[in-house]
Amino acid sequence: LVATSAAIAWKVQDWRYGQQLEKQARLHTETLNQITLASTALQRAEQDKRLALEQRLAASDQTHYRALTNAQRDQDRLRDRLATADVRLSVLLDATDTANGFAVPDSTSAGGVVHGAARPRLDPTHAQRIIGITDAGDRGLIALAACQAYARGISTSK
């Protein structure tokens, strides 16, 4: 009788522990599934953020590339016009400055087509150098704007 009671008690205790272990395993599986779902959702959200940032940066790159191309085209056009003497660069002189010994008369001559203050014409080679310098400056400013836009895009996405 004692052996039978012990065996029955053993079976009941085994059954209870089995149920507890089964419940624990089920809860563990559910927890892992929830963690997996949360991780997948977080990963998807991060991928969406990255895709949106890449699209914004691509649009920004395209805008700045277009600005750089337009500036280059304008500089090339101006350089060509200077080479063909279609356009001449000139500098505005201060007619009141007599300290340098180059006093300029206040009025223009009747045969000239330039109206207003006196403007001596620059040598075409110097004009080409000036255009080259302004071209490099324009490119630098456009590159700076692109870098600033990139930094702004990166900093706002975090």
C-alpha atoms as a PDB file:
ATOM      1  CA  LEU A   1       0.000   0.000   0.000  1.00  0.00           C
ATOM      2  CA  VAL A   2       2.849   2.346   0.870  1.00  0.00           C
ATOM      3  CA  ALA A   3       4.585   1.534  -2.405  1.00  0.00           C
ATOM      4  CA  THR A   4       1.388   2.107  -4.362  1.00  0.00           C
ATOM      5  CA  SER A   5       0.776   5.406  -2.552  1.00  0.00           C
ATOM      6  CA  ALA A   6       4.339   6.516  -3.268  1.00  0.00           C
ATOM      7  CA  ALA A   7       3.990   5.542  -6.926  1.00  0.00           C
ATOM      8  CA  ILE A   8       0.690   7.440  -7.218  1.00  0.00           C
ATOM      9  CA  ALA A   9       2.175  10.468  -5.453  1.00  0.00           C
ATOM     10  CA  TRP A  10       5.165  10.246  -7.780  1.00  0.00           C
ATOM     11  CA  LYS A  11       2.890  10.137 -10.846  1.00  0.00           C
ATOM     12  CA  VAL A  12       0.771  13.080  -9.626  1.00  0.00           C
ATOM     13  CA  GLN A  13       3.863  15.126  -8.861  1.00  0.00           C
ATOM     14  CA  ASP A  14       5.314  14.191 -12.275  1.00  0.00           C
ATOM     15  CA  TRP A  15       2.056  15.252 -13.931  1.00  0.00           C
ATOM     16  CA  ARG A  16       2.044  18.624 -12.054  1.00  0.00           C
ATOM     17  CA  TYR A  17       5.679  19.358 -12.908  1.00  0.00           C
ATOM     18  CA  GLY A  18       5.024  18.343 -16.495  1.00  0.00           C
ATOM     19  CA  GLN A  19       2.161  20.827 -16.682  1.00  0.00           C
ATOM     20  CA  GLN A  20       4.303  23.576 -15.140  1.00  0.00           C
ATOM     21  CA  LEU A  21       7.162  22.846 -17.534  1.00  0.00           C
ATOM     22  CA  GLU A  22       4.773  22.826 -20.481  1.00  0.00           C
ATOM     23  CA  LYS A  23       3.281  26.164 -19.371  1.00  0.00           C
ATOM     24  CA  GLN A  24       6.758  27.614 -18.896  1.00  0.00           C
ATOM     25  CA  ALA A  25       7.852  26.403 -22.338  1.00  0.00           C
ATOM     26  CA  ARG A  26       4.730  27.916 -23.922  1.00  0.00           C
ATOM     27  CA  LEU A  27       5.331  31.285 -22.188  1.00  0.00           C
ATOM     28  CA  HIS A  28       8.964  31.183 -23.253  1.00  0.00           C
ATOM     29  CA  THR A  29       7.964  30.531 -26.861  1.00  0.00           C
ATOM     30  CA  GLU A  30       5.406  33.361 -26.793  1.00  0.00           C
ATOM     31  CA  THR A  31       8.001  35.747 -25.328  1.00  0.00           C
ATOM     32  CA  LEU A  32      10.498  34.811 -28.033  1.00  0.00           C
ATOM     33  CA  ASN A  33       7.855  35.345 -30.713  1.00  0.00           C
ATOM     34  CA  GLN A  34       7.027  38.797 -29.304  1.00  0.00           C
ATOM     35  CA  ILE A  35      10.709  39.723 -29.183  1.00  0.00           C
ATOM     36  CA  THR A  36      11.141  38.547 -32.763  1.00  0.00           C
ATOM     37  CA  LEU A  37       8.132  40.565 -33.939  1.00  0.00           C
ATOM     38  CA  ALA A  38       9.353  43.683 -32.120  1.00  0.00           C
ATOM     39  CA  SER A  39      12.830  43.252 -33.573  1.00  0.00           C
ATOM     40  CA  THR A  40      11.426  42.812 -37.080  1.00  0.00           C
ATOM     41  CA  ALA A  41       9.271  45.939 -36.720  1.00  0.00           C
ATOM     42  CA  LEU A  42      12.239  47.948 -35.428  1.00  0.00           C
ATOM     43  CA  GLN A  43      14.431  46.700 -38.265  1.00  0.00           C
ATOM     44  CA  ARG A  44      11.759  47.587 -40.822  1.00  0.00           C
ATOM     45  CA  ALA A  45      11.401  51.094 -39.322  1.00  0.00           C
ATOM     46  CA  GLU A  46      15.169  51.628 -39.479  1.00  0.00           C
ATOM     47  CA  GLN A  47      15.269  50.424 -43.091  1.00  0.00           C
ATOM     48  CA  ASP A  48      12.456  52.835 -43.965  1.00  0.00           C
ATOM     49  CA  LYS A  49      14.358  55.693 -42.310  1.00  0.00           C
ATOM     50  CA  ARG A  50      17.500  54.773 -44.210  1.00  0.00           C
ATOM     51  CA  LEU A  51      15.632  54.567 -47.504  1.00  0.00           C
ATOM     52  CA  ALA A  52      14.025  57.971 -46.904  1.00  0.00           C
ATOM     53  CA  LEU A  53      17.423  59.473 -46.060  1.00  0.00           C
ATOM     54  CA  GLU A  54      18.996  57.953 -49.167  1.00  0.00           C
ATOM     55  CA  GLN A  55      16.199  59.381 -51.311  1.00  0.00           C
ATOM     56  CA  ARG A  56      16.588  62.850 -49.762  1.00  0.00           C
ATOM     57  CA  LEU A  57      20.351  62.738 -50.247  1.00  0.00           C
ATOM     58  CA  ALA A  58      19.957  61.576 -53.850  1.00  0.00           C
ATOM     59  CA  ALA A  59      17.580  64.464 -54.545  1.00  0.00           C
ATOM     60  CA  SER A  60      19.985  66.869 -52.849  1.00  0.00           C
ATOM     61  CA  ASP A  61      22.907  65.486 -54.868  1.00  0.00           C
ATOM     62  CA  GLN A  62      20.924  65.868 -58.061  1.00  0.00           C
ATOM     63  CA  THR A  63      20.020  69.465 -57.192  1.00  0.00           C
ATOM     64  CA  HIS A  64      23.605  70.386 -56.396  1.00  0.00           C
ATOM     65  CA  TYR A  65      24.925  68.574 -59.466  1.00  0.00           C
ATOM     66  CA  ARG A  66      22.457  70.548 -61.569  1.00  0.00           C
ATOM     67  CA  ALA A  67      23.598  73.801 -59.925  1.00  0.00           C
ATOM     68  CA  LEU A  68      27.234  72.884 -60.549  1.00  0.00           C
ATOM     69  CA  THR A  69      26.515  71.994 -64.174  1.00  0.00           C
ATOM     70  CA  ASN A  70      24.614  75.255 -64.714  1.00  0.00           C
ATOM     71  CA  ALA A  71      27.426  77.287 -63.151  1.00  0.00           C
ATOM     72  CA  GLN A  72      29.972  75.469 -65.313  1.00  0.00           C
ATOM     73  CA  ARG A  73      27.909  76.094 -68.442  1.00  0.00           C
ATOM     74  CA  ASP A  74      27.525  79.794 -67.580  1.00  0.00           C
ATOM     75  CA  GLN A  75      31.259  80.124 -66.916  1.00  0.00           C
ATOM     76  CA  ASP A  76      32.100  78.367 -70.198  1.00  0.00           C
ATOM     77  CA  ARG A  77      29.691  80.613 -72.068  1.00  0.00           C
ATOM     78  CA  LEU A  78      31.204  83.720 -70.491  1.00  0.00           C
ATOM     79  CA  ARG A  79      34.715  82.473 -71.217  1.00  0.00           C
ATOM     80  CA  ASP A  80      33.758  81.901 -74.882  1.00  0.00           C
ATOM     81  CA  ARG A  81      32.197  85.345 -75.144  1.00  0.00           C
ATOM     82  CA  LEU A  82      35.372  86.870 -73.707  1.00  0.00           C
ATOM     83  CA  ALA A  83      37.509  84.928 -76.180  1.00  0.00           C
ATOM     84  CA  THR A  84      35.483  86.163 -79.149  1.00  0.00           C
ATOM     85  CA  ALA A  85      35.477  89.730 -77.783  1.00  0.00           C
ATOM     86  CA  ASP A  86      31.686  89.603 -77.669  1.00  0.00           C
ATOM     87  CA  VAL A  87      31.953  90.783 -74.077  1.00  0.00           C
ATOM     88  CA  ARG A  88      34.713  92.800 -72.443  1.00  0.00           C
ATOM     89  CA  LEU A  89      35.493  92.996 -68.768  1.00  0.00           C
ATOM     90  CA  SER A  90      36.197  96.412 -67.383  1.00  0.00           C
ATOM     91  CA  VAL A  91      36.800  97.939 -63.994  1.00  0.00           C
ATOM     92  CA  LEU A  92      35.137 100.963 -62.518  1.00  0.00           C
ATOM     93  CA  LEU A  93      37.633 103.681 -61.599  1.00  0.00           C
ATOM     94  CA  ASP A  94      37.296 106.194 -58.825  1.00  0.00           C
ATOM     95  CA  ALA A  95      37.472 109.481 -60.732  1.00  0.00           C
ATOM     96  CA  THR A  96      37.979 111.452 -57.534  1.00  0.00           C
ATOM     97  CA  ASP A  97      41.099 109.524 -56.480  1.00  0.00           C
ATOM     98  CA  THR A  98      44.035 111.688 -57.576  1.00  0.00           C
ATOM     99  CA  ALA A  99      46.511 110.139 -55.123  1.00  0.00           C
ATOM    100  CA  ASN A 100      47.660 107.538 -57.621  1.00  0.00           C
ATOM    101  CA  GLY A 101      48.306 110.123 -60.332  1.00  0.00           C
ATOM    102  CA  PHE A 102      45.704 108.766 -62.742  1.00  0.00           C
ATOM    103  CA  ALA A 103      43.000 111.381 -62.650  1.00  0.00           C
ATOM    104  CA  VAL A 104      40.120 110.584 -64.985  1.00  0.00           C
ATOM    105  CA  PRO A 105      37.869 113.267 -66.442  1.00  0.00           C
ATOM    106  CA  ASP A 106      34.329 113.355 -65.068  1.00  0.00           C
ATOM    107  CA  SER A 107      32.628 113.274 -68.460  1.00  0.00           C
ATOM    108  CA  THR A 108      32.919 110.670 -71.187  1.00  0.00           C
ATOM    109  CA  SER A 109      33.862 111.587 -74.695  1.00  0.00           C
ATOM    110  CA  ALA A 110      31.198 112.011 -77.369  1.00  0.00           C
ATOM    111  CA  GLY A 111      32.663 109.153 -79.457  1.00  0.00           C
ATOM    112  CA  GLY A 112      32.364 106.503 -76.710  1.00  0.00           C
ATOM    113  CA  VAL A 113      29.479 104.113 -76.244  1.00  0.00           C
ATOM    114  CA  VAL A 114      30.041 103.641 -72.514  1.00  0.00           C
ATOM    115  CA  HIS A 115      27.929 105.955 -70.434  1.00  0.00           C
ATOM    116  CA  GLY A 116      28.546 106.756 -66.802  1.00  0.00           C
ATOM    117  CA  ALA A 117      31.819 106.473 -64.904  1.00  0.00           C
ATOM    118  CA  ALA A 118      35.104 105.742 -66.675  1.00  0.00           C
ATOM    119  CA  ARG A 119      35.804 102.058 -67.245  1.00  0.00           C
ATOM    120  CA  PRO A 120      39.179 100.904 -68.598  1.00  0.00           C
ATOM    121  CA  ARG A 121      39.080  97.583 -70.451  1.00  0.00           C
ATOM    122  CA  LEU A 122      40.980  94.609 -69.025  1.00  0.00           C
ATOM    123  CA  ASP A 123      43.387  92.579 -71.075  1.00  0.00           C
ATOM    124  CA  PRO A 124      41.557  89.453 -72.380  1.00  0.00           C
ATOM    125  CA  THR A 125      44.103  87.080 -70.783  1.00  0.00           C
ATOM    126  CA  HIS A 126      43.582  88.716 -67.407  1.00  0.00           C
ATOM    127  CA  ALA A 127      39.830  88.570 -67.958  1.00  0.00           C
ATOM    128  CA  GLN A 128      40.132  84.816 -68.625  1.00  0.00           C
ATOM    129  CA  ARG A 129      42.102  84.395 -65.389  1.00  0.00           C
ATOM    130  CA  ILE A 130      39.439  86.318 -63.460  1.00  0.00           C
ATOM    131  CA  ILE A 131      36.717  84.123 -64.942  1.00  0.00           C
ATOM    132  CA  GLY A 132      38.739  81.040 -63.947  1.00  0.00           C
ATOM    133  CA  ILE A 133      39.009  82.319 -60.387  1.00  0.00           C
ATOM    134  CA  THR A 134      35.290  83.059 -60.170  1.00  0.00           C
ATOM    135  CA  ASP A 135      34.585  79.626 -61.663  1.00  0.00           C
ATOM    136  CA  ALA A 136      36.609  77.959 -58.900  1.00  0.00           C
ATOM    137  CA  GLY A 137      34.842  80.133 -56.330  1.00  0.00           C
ATOM    138  CA  ASP A 138      31.424  79.219 -57.686  1.00  0.00           C
ATOM    139  CA  ARG A 139      32.315  75.528 -57.599  1.00  0.00           C
ATOM    140  CA  GLY A 140      33.543  75.890 -54.039  1.00  0.00           C
ATOM    141  CA  LEU A 141      30.346  77.592 -52.937  1.00  0.00           C
ATOM    142  CA  ILE A 142      28.209  74.948 -54.626  1.00  0.00           C
ATOM    143  CA  ALA A 143      30.262  72.165 -53.009  1.00  0.00           C
ATOM    144  CA  LEU A 144      29.945  73.881 -49.635  1.00  0.00           C
ATOM    145  CA  ALA A 145      26.175  74.119 -50.045  1.00  0.00           C
ATOM    146  CA  ALA A 146      26.068  70.413 -50.937  1.00  0.00           C
ATOM    147  CA  CYS A 147      28.115  69.501 -47.854  1.00  0.00           C
ATOM    148  CA  GLN A 148      25.908  71.625 -45.625  1.00  0.00           C
ATOM    149  CA  ALA A 149      22.778  70.031 -47.063  1.00  0.00           C
ATOM    150  CA  TYR A 150      24.290  66.574 -46.515  1.00  0.00           C
ATOM    151  CA  ALA A 151      25.194  67.397 -42.900  1.00  0.00           C
ATOM    152  CA  ARG A 152      21.718  68.814 -42.286  1.00  0.00           C
ATOM    153  CA  GLY A 153      20.133  65.699 -43.805  1.00  0.00           C
ATOM    154  CA  ILE A 154      22.237  63.373 -41.676  1.00  0.00           C
ATOM    155  CA  SER A 155      21.736  65.325 -38.446  1.00  0.00           C
ATOM    156  CA  THR A 156      17.956  65.589 -38.817  1.00  0.00           C
ATOM    157  CA  SER A 157      17.558  61.875 -39.563  1.00  0.00           C
ATOM    158  CA  LYS A 158      18.999  60.752 -36.223  1.00  0.00           C
END
